[in-house]
Amino acid sequence: MLNRQPYAPTPHSYVPNSTLSATINLDEEVKLADTRAERDLQDSLAEIFSIIVTLDELERAFLKDAIPEADYTEICERSLKQYKSLVADEAVARAFVGLEEFKAEWDLEVPRATERIRVGMPSTTVDASAGHHGGGGGGGGNGSKSENSGGKNPSGQLILEATQDFITFLDALKLGLLAKDQLHPLLTDVIQSANKVTDRDFENRGKIVQWLITLNQMKATEELSEDQARELELDINSAYQGFKATL
């Protein structure tokens, strides 16, 4: 009767590497980065991943009226600002490459977040009446735009602020401010203050949104050409006249 061994026999050609096995500690934490800069970069890329996924779920929730308009707007604006701040860093930008490349690398299917990042604004800013699409979630939260809009009886203070924002932006163009990081914040103020006055789609309002999208897709220090600046001035002037016609 054969004497069976309790384990499979070791091949004669195999010689255990005692040095290697002695250096491996299964309880030791594996370091993914050796330097502080590498750790910071990995943390930033992880934050970008989280922001993209969050934006996609946020858009889904808003479309289903599962979140109040004011909450949606606040979270979306904050997430977009964090995203832009992270990708503005040179080291992060090199590793990130671009949104499409990042999505492909991590197998992300996030069409709603992709569109929101492309536009660079919450849907409540793009469409002043977006929060009134279903009535269920749009009425929640205090201080939402819907409480100050409607185009019926806007306060004089809101009208004054919107008028000042239009004038400030047009003055910036006349002063030769053409860089994205100079114009985008001012034009954002224009559309947000106009939305507080009225939710009506006044004449040439869409041109404000289109220019916001154009500026959003530019690099921070990239500048408009002289022809673009003249076209922008004409479009915003036209939108200003359309806005005043609603008052």
C-alpha atoms as a PDB file:
ATOM      1  CA  MET A   1       0.000   0.000   0.000  1.00  0.00           C
ATOM      2  CA  LEU A   2       1.345   3.392  -1.007  1.00  0.00           C
ATOM      3  CA  ASN A   3       2.150   5.919   1.681  1.00  0.00           C
ATOM      4  CA  ARG A   4       0.119   8.941   0.504  1.00  0.00           C
ATOM      5  CA  GLN A   5       1.551  12.319   1.240  1.00  0.00           C
ATOM      6  CA  PRO A   6      -0.899  14.858   2.713  1.00  0.00           C
ATOM      7  CA  TYR A   7       0.057  17.448   0.101  1.00  0.00           C
ATOM      8  CA  ALA A   8       1.082  17.572  -3.526  1.00  0.00           C
ATOM      9  CA  PRO A   9       4.758  16.770  -4.017  1.00  0.00           C
ATOM     10  CA  THR A  10       7.037  19.690  -4.723  1.00  0.00           C
ATOM     11  CA  PRO A  11       8.669  19.584  -8.178  1.00  0.00           C
ATOM     12  CA  HIS A  12      12.365  18.779  -7.926  1.00  0.00           C
ATOM     13  CA  SER A  13      13.150  21.801 -10.093  1.00  0.00           C
ATOM     14  CA  TYR A  14      11.570  24.261  -7.656  1.00  0.00           C
ATOM     15  CA  VAL A  15      13.777  25.816  -4.998  1.00  0.00           C
ATOM     16  CA  PRO A  16      11.939  28.110  -2.534  1.00  0.00           C
ATOM     17  CA  ASN A  17      13.276  31.643  -2.404  1.00  0.00           C
ATOM     18  CA  SER A  18      13.642  32.107   1.317  1.00  0.00           C
ATOM     19  CA  THR A  19      15.020  35.610   0.879  1.00  0.00           C
ATOM     20  CA  LEU A  20      11.918  36.794  -1.036  1.00  0.00           C
ATOM     21  CA  SER A  21       9.430  35.211   1.329  1.00  0.00           C
ATOM     22  CA  ALA A  22      11.216  36.684   4.290  1.00  0.00           C
ATOM     23  CA  THR A  23      10.902  40.223   2.911  1.00  0.00           C
ATOM     24  CA  ILE A  24       7.129  40.102   2.253  1.00  0.00           C
ATOM     25  CA  ASN A  25       4.904  41.143   5.123  1.00  0.00           C
ATOM     26  CA  LEU A  26       1.252  40.557   4.318  1.00  0.00           C
ATOM     27  CA  ASP A  27       0.231  42.876   7.147  1.00  0.00           C
ATOM     28  CA  GLU A  28       2.270  45.780   5.800  1.00  0.00           C
ATOM     29  CA  GLU A  29       0.380  48.634   4.115  1.00  0.00           C
ATOM     30  CA  VAL A  30       1.233  48.917   0.422  1.00  0.00           C
ATOM     31  CA  LYS A  31       2.341  52.410  -0.530  1.00  0.00           C
ATOM     32  CA  LEU A  32       0.869  53.658  -3.793  1.00  0.00           C
ATOM     33  CA  ALA A  33       3.084  56.728  -3.810  1.00  0.00           C
ATOM     34  CA  ASP A  34       6.602  57.423  -2.621  1.00  0.00           C
ATOM     35  CA  THR A  35       6.485  61.197  -2.402  1.00  0.00           C
ATOM     36  CA  ARG A  36       4.103  63.848  -1.108  1.00  0.00           C
ATOM     37  CA  ALA A  37       3.622  65.175  -4.641  1.00  0.00           C
ATOM     38  CA  GLU A  38       2.565  61.756  -5.904  1.00  0.00           C
ATOM     39  CA  ARG A  39       0.108  61.324  -3.038  1.00  0.00           C
ATOM     40  CA  ASP A  40      -1.372  64.762  -3.671  1.00  0.00           C
ATOM     41  CA  LEU A  41      -1.760  63.962  -7.370  1.00  0.00           C
ATOM     42  CA  GLN A  42      -3.520  60.690  -6.644  1.00  0.00           C
ATOM     43  CA  ASP A  43      -5.802  62.404  -4.137  1.00  0.00           C
ATOM     44  CA  SER A  44      -6.697  65.054  -6.717  1.00  0.00           C
ATOM     45  CA  LEU A  45      -7.494  62.480  -9.400  1.00  0.00           C
ATOM     46  CA  ALA A  46      -9.618  60.553  -6.897  1.00  0.00           C
ATOM     47  CA  GLU A  47     -11.514  63.764  -6.075  1.00  0.00           C
ATOM     48  CA  ILE A  48     -12.129  64.411  -9.779  1.00  0.00           C
ATOM     49  CA  PHE A  49     -13.493  60.886 -10.163  1.00  0.00           C
ATOM     50  CA  SER A  50     -15.812  61.439  -7.200  1.00  0.00           C
ATOM     51  CA  ILE A  51     -17.014  64.813  -8.502  1.00  0.00           C
ATOM     52  CA  ILE A  52     -17.848  63.398 -11.937  1.00  0.00           C
ATOM     53  CA  VAL A  53     -19.852  60.524 -10.474  1.00  0.00           C
ATOM     54  CA  THR A  54     -21.593  62.887  -8.037  1.00  0.00           C
ATOM     55  CA  LEU A  55     -22.570  65.286 -10.828  1.00  0.00           C
ATOM     56  CA  ASP A  56     -24.043  62.461 -12.882  1.00  0.00           C
ATOM     57  CA  GLU A  57     -26.167  61.243  -9.967  1.00  0.00           C
ATOM     58  CA  LEU A  58     -27.141  64.820  -9.111  1.00  0.00           C
ATOM     59  CA  GLU A  59     -28.411  65.446 -12.632  1.00  0.00           C
ATOM     60  CA  ARG A  60     -30.377  62.203 -12.526  1.00  0.00           C
ATOM     61  CA  ALA A  61     -31.956  63.157  -9.188  1.00  0.00           C
ATOM     62  CA  PHE A  62     -32.898  66.644 -10.402  1.00  0.00           C
ATOM     63  CA  LEU A  63     -34.546  65.301 -13.550  1.00  0.00           C
ATOM     64  CA  LYS A  64     -36.650  63.011 -11.360  1.00  0.00           C
ATOM     65  CA  ASP A  65     -37.635  65.876  -9.020  1.00  0.00           C
ATOM     66  CA  ALA A  66     -35.887  64.022  -6.203  1.00  0.00           C
ATOM     67  CA  ILE A  67     -33.958  67.083  -5.034  1.00  0.00           C
ATOM     68  CA  PRO A  68     -35.096  70.700  -4.476  1.00  0.00           C
ATOM     69  CA  GLU A  69     -33.965  73.255  -7.042  1.00  0.00           C
ATOM     70  CA  ALA A  70     -32.011  75.323  -4.509  1.00  0.00           C
ATOM     71  CA  ASP A  71     -30.112  72.279  -3.223  1.00  0.00           C
ATOM     72  CA  TYR A  72     -29.387  71.098  -6.759  1.00  0.00           C
ATOM     73  CA  THR A  73     -28.044  74.493  -7.779  1.00  0.00           C
ATOM     74  CA  GLU A  74     -25.831  74.842  -4.709  1.00  0.00           C
ATOM     75  CA  ILE A  75     -24.315  71.351  -4.982  1.00  0.00           C
ATOM     76  CA  CYS A  76     -23.838  71.621  -8.741  1.00  0.00           C
ATOM     77  CA  GLU A  77     -22.125  75.013  -8.568  1.00  0.00           C
ATOM     78  CA  ARG A  78     -19.839  73.861  -5.761  1.00  0.00           C
ATOM     79  CA  SER A  79     -18.930  70.644  -7.595  1.00  0.00           C
ATOM     80  CA  LEU A  80     -18.178  72.486 -10.843  1.00  0.00           C
ATOM     81  CA  LYS A  81     -15.959  74.982  -9.002  1.00  0.00           C
ATOM     82  CA  GLN A  82     -14.041  72.152  -7.328  1.00  0.00           C
ATOM     83  CA  TYR A  83     -13.642  70.364 -10.657  1.00  0.00           C
ATOM     84  CA  LYS A  84     -12.333  73.482 -12.393  1.00  0.00           C
ATOM     85  CA  SER A  85      -9.959  74.230  -9.522  1.00  0.00           C
ATOM     86  CA  LEU A  86      -8.503  70.722  -9.585  1.00  0.00           C
ATOM     87  CA  VAL A  87      -7.944  70.512 -13.345  1.00  0.00           C
ATOM     88  CA  ALA A  88      -6.388  73.995 -13.341  1.00  0.00           C
ATOM     89  CA  ASP A  89      -3.344  72.585 -11.529  1.00  0.00           C
ATOM     90  CA  GLU A  90      -0.585  71.844 -14.069  1.00  0.00           C
ATOM     91  CA  ALA A  91       0.446  68.488 -12.607  1.00  0.00           C
ATOM     92  CA  VAL A  92      -3.150  67.316 -12.335  1.00  0.00           C
ATOM     93  CA  ALA A  93      -3.929  68.538 -15.856  1.00  0.00           C
ATOM     94  CA  ARG A  94      -1.036  66.492 -17.291  1.00  0.00           C
ATOM     95  CA  ALA A  95      -2.200  63.312 -15.562  1.00  0.00           C
ATOM     96  CA  PHE A  96      -5.886  64.006 -16.222  1.00  0.00           C
ATOM     97  CA  VAL A  97      -5.293  64.806 -19.926  1.00  0.00           C
ATOM     98  CA  GLY A  98      -8.967  65.525 -20.608  1.00  0.00           C
ATOM     99  CA  LEU A  99     -12.452  64.483 -19.583  1.00  0.00           C
ATOM    100  CA  GLU A 100     -12.908  61.994 -22.426  1.00  0.00           C
ATOM    101  CA  GLU A 101      -9.493  60.424 -21.793  1.00  0.00           C
ATOM    102  CA  PHE A 102     -10.188  60.197 -18.056  1.00  0.00           C
ATOM    103  CA  LYS A 103     -13.578  58.569 -18.667  1.00  0.00           C
ATOM    104  CA  ALA A 104     -12.028  56.028 -21.034  1.00  0.00           C
ATOM    105  CA  GLU A 105      -9.236  55.167 -18.592  1.00  0.00           C
ATOM    106  CA  TRP A 106     -11.652  54.508 -15.736  1.00  0.00           C
ATOM    107  CA  ASP A 107     -14.519  53.149 -17.855  1.00  0.00           C
ATOM    108  CA  LEU A 108     -16.946  55.872 -16.789  1.00  0.00           C
ATOM    109  CA  GLU A 109     -20.376  56.145 -18.421  1.00  0.00           C
ATOM    110  CA  VAL A 110     -21.540  59.557 -17.227  1.00  0.00           C
ATOM    111  CA  PRO A 111     -23.399  61.377 -20.033  1.00  0.00           C
ATOM    112  CA  ARG A 112     -25.208  63.801 -17.706  1.00  0.00           C
ATOM    113  CA  ALA A 113     -22.036  64.843 -15.909  1.00  0.00           C
ATOM    114  CA  THR A 114     -20.240  65.191 -19.243  1.00  0.00           C
ATOM    115  CA  GLU A 115     -22.835  67.654 -20.504  1.00  0.00           C
ATOM    116  CA  ARG A 116     -22.893  69.598 -17.234  1.00  0.00           C
ATOM    117  CA  ILE A 117     -19.094  69.956 -17.234  1.00  0.00           C
ATOM    118  CA  ARG A 118     -19.156  70.993 -20.906  1.00  0.00           C
ATOM    119  CA  VAL A 119     -21.707  73.696 -20.170  1.00  0.00           C
ATOM    120  CA  GLY A 120     -20.051  74.698 -16.902  1.00  0.00           C
ATOM    121  CA  MET A 121     -23.308  75.772 -15.225  1.00  0.00           C
ATOM    122  CA  PRO A 122     -26.239  74.155 -13.437  1.00  0.00           C
ATOM    123  CA  SER A 123     -29.284  73.571 -15.621  1.00  0.00           C
ATOM    124  CA  THR A 124     -31.122  76.079 -13.417  1.00  0.00           C
ATOM    125  CA  THR A 125     -28.755  78.748 -14.713  1.00  0.00           C
ATOM    126  CA  VAL A 126     -28.947  77.662 -18.332  1.00  0.00           C
ATOM    127  CA  ASP A 127     -32.754  77.546 -18.197  1.00  0.00           C
ATOM    128  CA  ALA A 128     -34.307  79.928 -15.694  1.00  0.00           C
ATOM    129  CA  SER A 129     -37.500  77.869 -15.623  1.00  0.00           C
ATOM    130  CA  ALA A 130     -35.715  74.515 -15.170  1.00  0.00           C
ATOM    131  CA  GLY A 131     -36.753  74.267 -11.549  1.00  0.00           C
ATOM    132  CA  HIS A 132     -40.430  74.440 -12.479  1.00  0.00           C
ATOM    133  CA  HIS A 133     -40.394  71.361 -14.712  1.00  0.00           C
ATOM    134  CA  GLY A 134     -42.221  69.064 -12.340  1.00  0.00           C
ATOM    135  CA  GLY A 135     -43.282  71.028  -9.303  1.00  0.00           C
ATOM    136  CA  GLY A 136     -42.335  68.295  -6.824  1.00  0.00           C
ATOM    137  CA  GLY A 137     -38.693  69.105  -6.094  1.00  0.00           C
ATOM    138  CA  GLY A 138     -38.548  72.656  -7.399  1.00  0.00           C
ATOM    139  CA  GLY A 139     -40.465  74.159  -4.519  1.00  0.00           C
ATOM    140  CA  GLY A 140     -38.213  72.907  -1.723  1.00  0.00           C
ATOM    141  CA  GLY A 141     -35.638  74.948   0.112  1.00  0.00           C
ATOM    142  CA  ASN A 142     -35.727  78.554   1.141  1.00  0.00           C
ATOM    143  CA  GLY A 143     -34.202  81.260  -0.989  1.00  0.00           C
ATOM    144  CA  SER A 144     -34.420  79.434  -4.317  1.00  0.00           C
ATOM    145  CA  LYS A 145     -34.512  81.431  -7.510  1.00  0.00           C
ATOM    146  CA  SER A 146     -38.122  80.471  -8.122  1.00  0.00           C
ATOM    147  CA  GLU A 147     -39.216  82.602  -5.190  1.00  0.00           C
ATOM    148  CA  ASN A 148     -37.671  85.726  -6.681  1.00  0.00           C
ATOM    149  CA  SER A 149     -38.456  85.095 -10.311  1.00  0.00           C
ATOM    150  CA  GLY A 150     -41.498  84.795 -12.484  1.00  0.00           C
ATOM    151  CA  GLY A 151     -41.283  88.114 -14.259  1.00  0.00           C
ATOM    152  CA  LYS A 152     -44.395  89.516 -12.495  1.00  0.00           C
ATOM    153  CA  ASN A 153     -43.349  91.654  -9.552  1.00  0.00           C
ATOM    154  CA  PRO A 154     -39.540  91.579  -9.255  1.00  0.00           C
ATOM    155  CA  SER A 155     -38.094  93.867  -6.615  1.00  0.00           C
ATOM    156  CA  GLY A 156     -36.363  97.078  -7.622  1.00  0.00           C
ATOM    157  CA  GLN A 157     -33.172  95.866  -5.931  1.00  0.00           C
ATOM    158  CA  LEU A 158     -33.016  92.730  -8.102  1.00  0.00           C
ATOM    159  CA  ILE A 159     -33.609  94.761 -11.257  1.00  0.00           C
ATOM    160  CA  LEU A 160     -30.884  97.206 -10.248  1.00  0.00           C
ATOM    161  CA  GLU A 161     -28.395  94.394  -9.583  1.00  0.00           C
ATOM    162  CA  ALA A 162     -29.112  92.760 -12.934  1.00  0.00           C
ATOM    163  CA  THR A 163     -28.761  96.088 -14.762  1.00  0.00           C
ATOM    164  CA  GLN A 164     -25.447  96.766 -13.020  1.00  0.00           C
ATOM    165  CA  ASP A 165     -24.146  93.307 -13.954  1.00  0.00           C
ATOM    166  CA  PHE A 166     -24.983  93.881 -17.627  1.00  0.00           C
ATOM    167  CA  ILE A 167     -23.245  97.272 -17.581  1.00  0.00           C
ATOM    168  CA  THR A 168     -20.217  95.930 -15.694  1.00  0.00           C
ATOM    169  CA  PHE A 169     -19.724  93.182 -18.248  1.00  0.00           C
ATOM    170  CA  LEU A 170     -20.030  95.525 -21.229  1.00  0.00           C
ATOM    171  CA  ASP A 171     -17.604  97.965 -19.569  1.00  0.00           C
ATOM    172  CA  ALA A 172     -15.105  95.124 -19.097  1.00  0.00           C
ATOM    173  CA  LEU A 173     -15.190  94.444 -22.826  1.00  0.00           C
ATOM    174  CA  LYS A 174     -14.675  98.138 -23.618  1.00  0.00           C
ATOM    175  CA  LEU A 175     -11.669  98.134 -21.278  1.00  0.00           C
ATOM    176  CA  GLY A 176     -10.118  95.324 -23.279  1.00  0.00           C
ATOM    177  CA  LEU A 177     -10.612  92.470 -20.797  1.00  0.00           C
ATOM    178  CA  LEU A 178     -10.704  89.468 -23.117  1.00  0.00           C
ATOM    179  CA  ALA A 179      -9.357  86.520 -21.079  1.00  0.00           C
ATOM    180  CA  LYS A 180     -11.656  83.676 -20.075  1.00  0.00           C
ATOM    181  CA  ASP A 181     -10.852  84.051 -16.357  1.00  0.00           C
ATOM    182  CA  GLN A 182     -11.786  87.756 -16.559  1.00  0.00           C
ATOM    183  CA  LEU A 183     -15.024  87.475 -18.520  1.00  0.00           C
ATOM    184  CA  HIS A 184     -16.576  84.181 -17.434  1.00  0.00           C
ATOM    185  CA  PRO A 185     -17.279  85.213 -13.794  1.00  0.00           C
ATOM    186  CA  LEU A 186     -18.789  88.532 -14.917  1.00  0.00           C
ATOM    187  CA  LEU A 187     -21.033  86.895 -17.496  1.00  0.00           C
ATOM    188  CA  THR A 188     -22.094  84.292 -14.928  1.00  0.00           C
ATOM    189  CA  ASP A 189     -23.215  87.159 -12.697  1.00  0.00           C
ATOM    190  CA  VAL A 190     -25.262  88.537 -15.601  1.00  0.00           C
ATOM    191  CA  ILE A 191     -27.252  85.358 -16.220  1.00  0.00           C
ATOM    192  CA  GLN A 192     -27.747  84.619 -12.521  1.00  0.00           C
ATOM    193  CA  SER A 193     -29.015  88.104 -11.697  1.00  0.00           C
ATOM    194  CA  ALA A 194     -31.284  88.113 -14.769  1.00  0.00           C
ATOM    195  CA  ASN A 195     -32.733  84.766 -13.660  1.00  0.00           C
ATOM    196  CA  LYS A 196     -33.623  86.269 -10.274  1.00  0.00           C
ATOM    197  CA  VAL A 197     -35.661  88.956 -11.999  1.00  0.00           C
ATOM    198  CA  THR A 198     -37.531  86.811 -14.526  1.00  0.00           C
ATOM    199  CA  ASP A 199     -37.919  83.206 -15.603  1.00  0.00           C
ATOM    200  CA  ARG A 200     -39.096  84.275 -19.037  1.00  0.00           C
ATOM    201  CA  ASP A 201     -36.896  83.348 -21.983  1.00  0.00           C
ATOM    202  CA  PHE A 202     -36.348  86.940 -23.070  1.00  0.00           C
ATOM    203  CA  GLU A 203     -35.001  87.828 -26.499  1.00  0.00           C
ATOM    204  CA  ASN A 204     -31.324  86.880 -27.014  1.00  0.00           C
ATOM    205  CA  ARG A 205     -31.068  85.304 -23.559  1.00  0.00           C
ATOM    206  CA  GLY A 206     -29.798  82.171 -25.320  1.00  0.00           C
ATOM    207  CA  LYS A 207     -26.813  84.141 -26.611  1.00  0.00           C
ATOM    208  CA  ILE A 208     -25.666  84.756 -23.046  1.00  0.00           C
ATOM    209  CA  VAL A 209     -25.771  81.019 -22.380  1.00  0.00           C
ATOM    210  CA  GLN A 210     -23.914  80.192 -25.601  1.00  0.00           C
ATOM    211  CA  TRP A 211     -21.137  82.645 -24.770  1.00  0.00           C
ATOM    212  CA  LEU A 212     -20.889  81.194 -21.273  1.00  0.00           C
ATOM    213  CA  ILE A 213     -20.395  77.745 -22.800  1.00  0.00           C
ATOM    214  CA  THR A 214     -17.805  79.126 -25.252  1.00  0.00           C
ATOM    215  CA  LEU A 215     -15.857  80.798 -22.451  1.00  0.00           C
ATOM    216  CA  ASN A 216     -16.123  77.727 -20.235  1.00  0.00           C
ATOM    217  CA  GLN A 217     -14.386  75.595 -22.860  1.00  0.00           C
ATOM    218  CA  MET A 218     -11.440  77.987 -23.139  1.00  0.00           C
ATOM    219  CA  LYS A 219      -8.290  77.770 -21.043  1.00  0.00           C
ATOM    220  CA  ALA A 220      -8.156  80.174 -18.103  1.00  0.00           C
ATOM    221  CA  THR A 221      -5.696  82.595 -19.704  1.00  0.00           C
ATOM    222  CA  GLU A 222      -6.935  82.149 -23.269  1.00  0.00           C
ATOM    223  CA  GLU A 223      -8.319  85.338 -24.813  1.00  0.00           C
ATOM    224  CA  LEU A 224     -11.072  86.121 -27.278  1.00  0.00           C
ATOM    225  CA  SER A 225     -10.056  87.535 -30.624  1.00  0.00           C
ATOM    226  CA  GLU A 226     -11.030  91.105 -31.514  1.00  0.00           C
ATOM    227  CA  ASP A 227     -13.740  89.797 -33.844  1.00  0.00           C
ATOM    228  CA  GLN A 228     -15.126  87.565 -31.089  1.00  0.00           C
ATOM    229  CA  ALA A 229     -15.074  90.446 -28.631  1.00  0.00           C
ATOM    230  CA  ARG A 230     -17.069  92.673 -31.001  1.00  0.00           C
ATOM    231  CA  GLU A 231     -19.586  89.891 -31.609  1.00  0.00           C
ATOM    232  CA  LEU A 232     -19.853  89.249 -27.880  1.00  0.00           C
ATOM    233  CA  GLU A 233     -20.492  92.919 -27.167  1.00  0.00           C
ATOM    234  CA  LEU A 234     -23.244  93.063 -29.776  1.00  0.00           C
ATOM    235  CA  ASP A 235     -24.880  89.884 -28.454  1.00  0.00           C
ATOM    236  CA  ILE A 236     -24.857  90.992 -24.825  1.00  0.00           C
ATOM    237  CA  ASN A 237     -26.157  94.429 -25.782  1.00  0.00           C
ATOM    238  CA  SER A 238     -29.006  92.715 -27.642  1.00  0.00           C
ATOM    239  CA  ALA A 239     -29.685  90.476 -24.646  1.00  0.00           C
ATOM    240  CA  TYR A 240     -29.692  93.529 -22.374  1.00  0.00           C
ATOM    241  CA  GLN A 241     -32.354  95.160 -24.539  1.00  0.00           C
ATOM    242  CA  GLY A 242     -34.366  91.932 -24.488  1.00  0.00           C
ATOM    243  CA  PHE A 243     -34.072  91.784 -20.716  1.00  0.00           C
ATOM    244  CA  LYS A 244     -35.279  95.372 -20.298  1.00  0.00           C
ATOM    245  CA  ALA A 245     -38.260  94.652 -22.553  1.00  0.00           C
ATOM    246  CA  THR A 246     -39.517  92.098 -20.012  1.00  0.00           C
ATOM    247  CA  LEU A 247     -39.636  94.619 -17.141  1.00  0.00           C
END
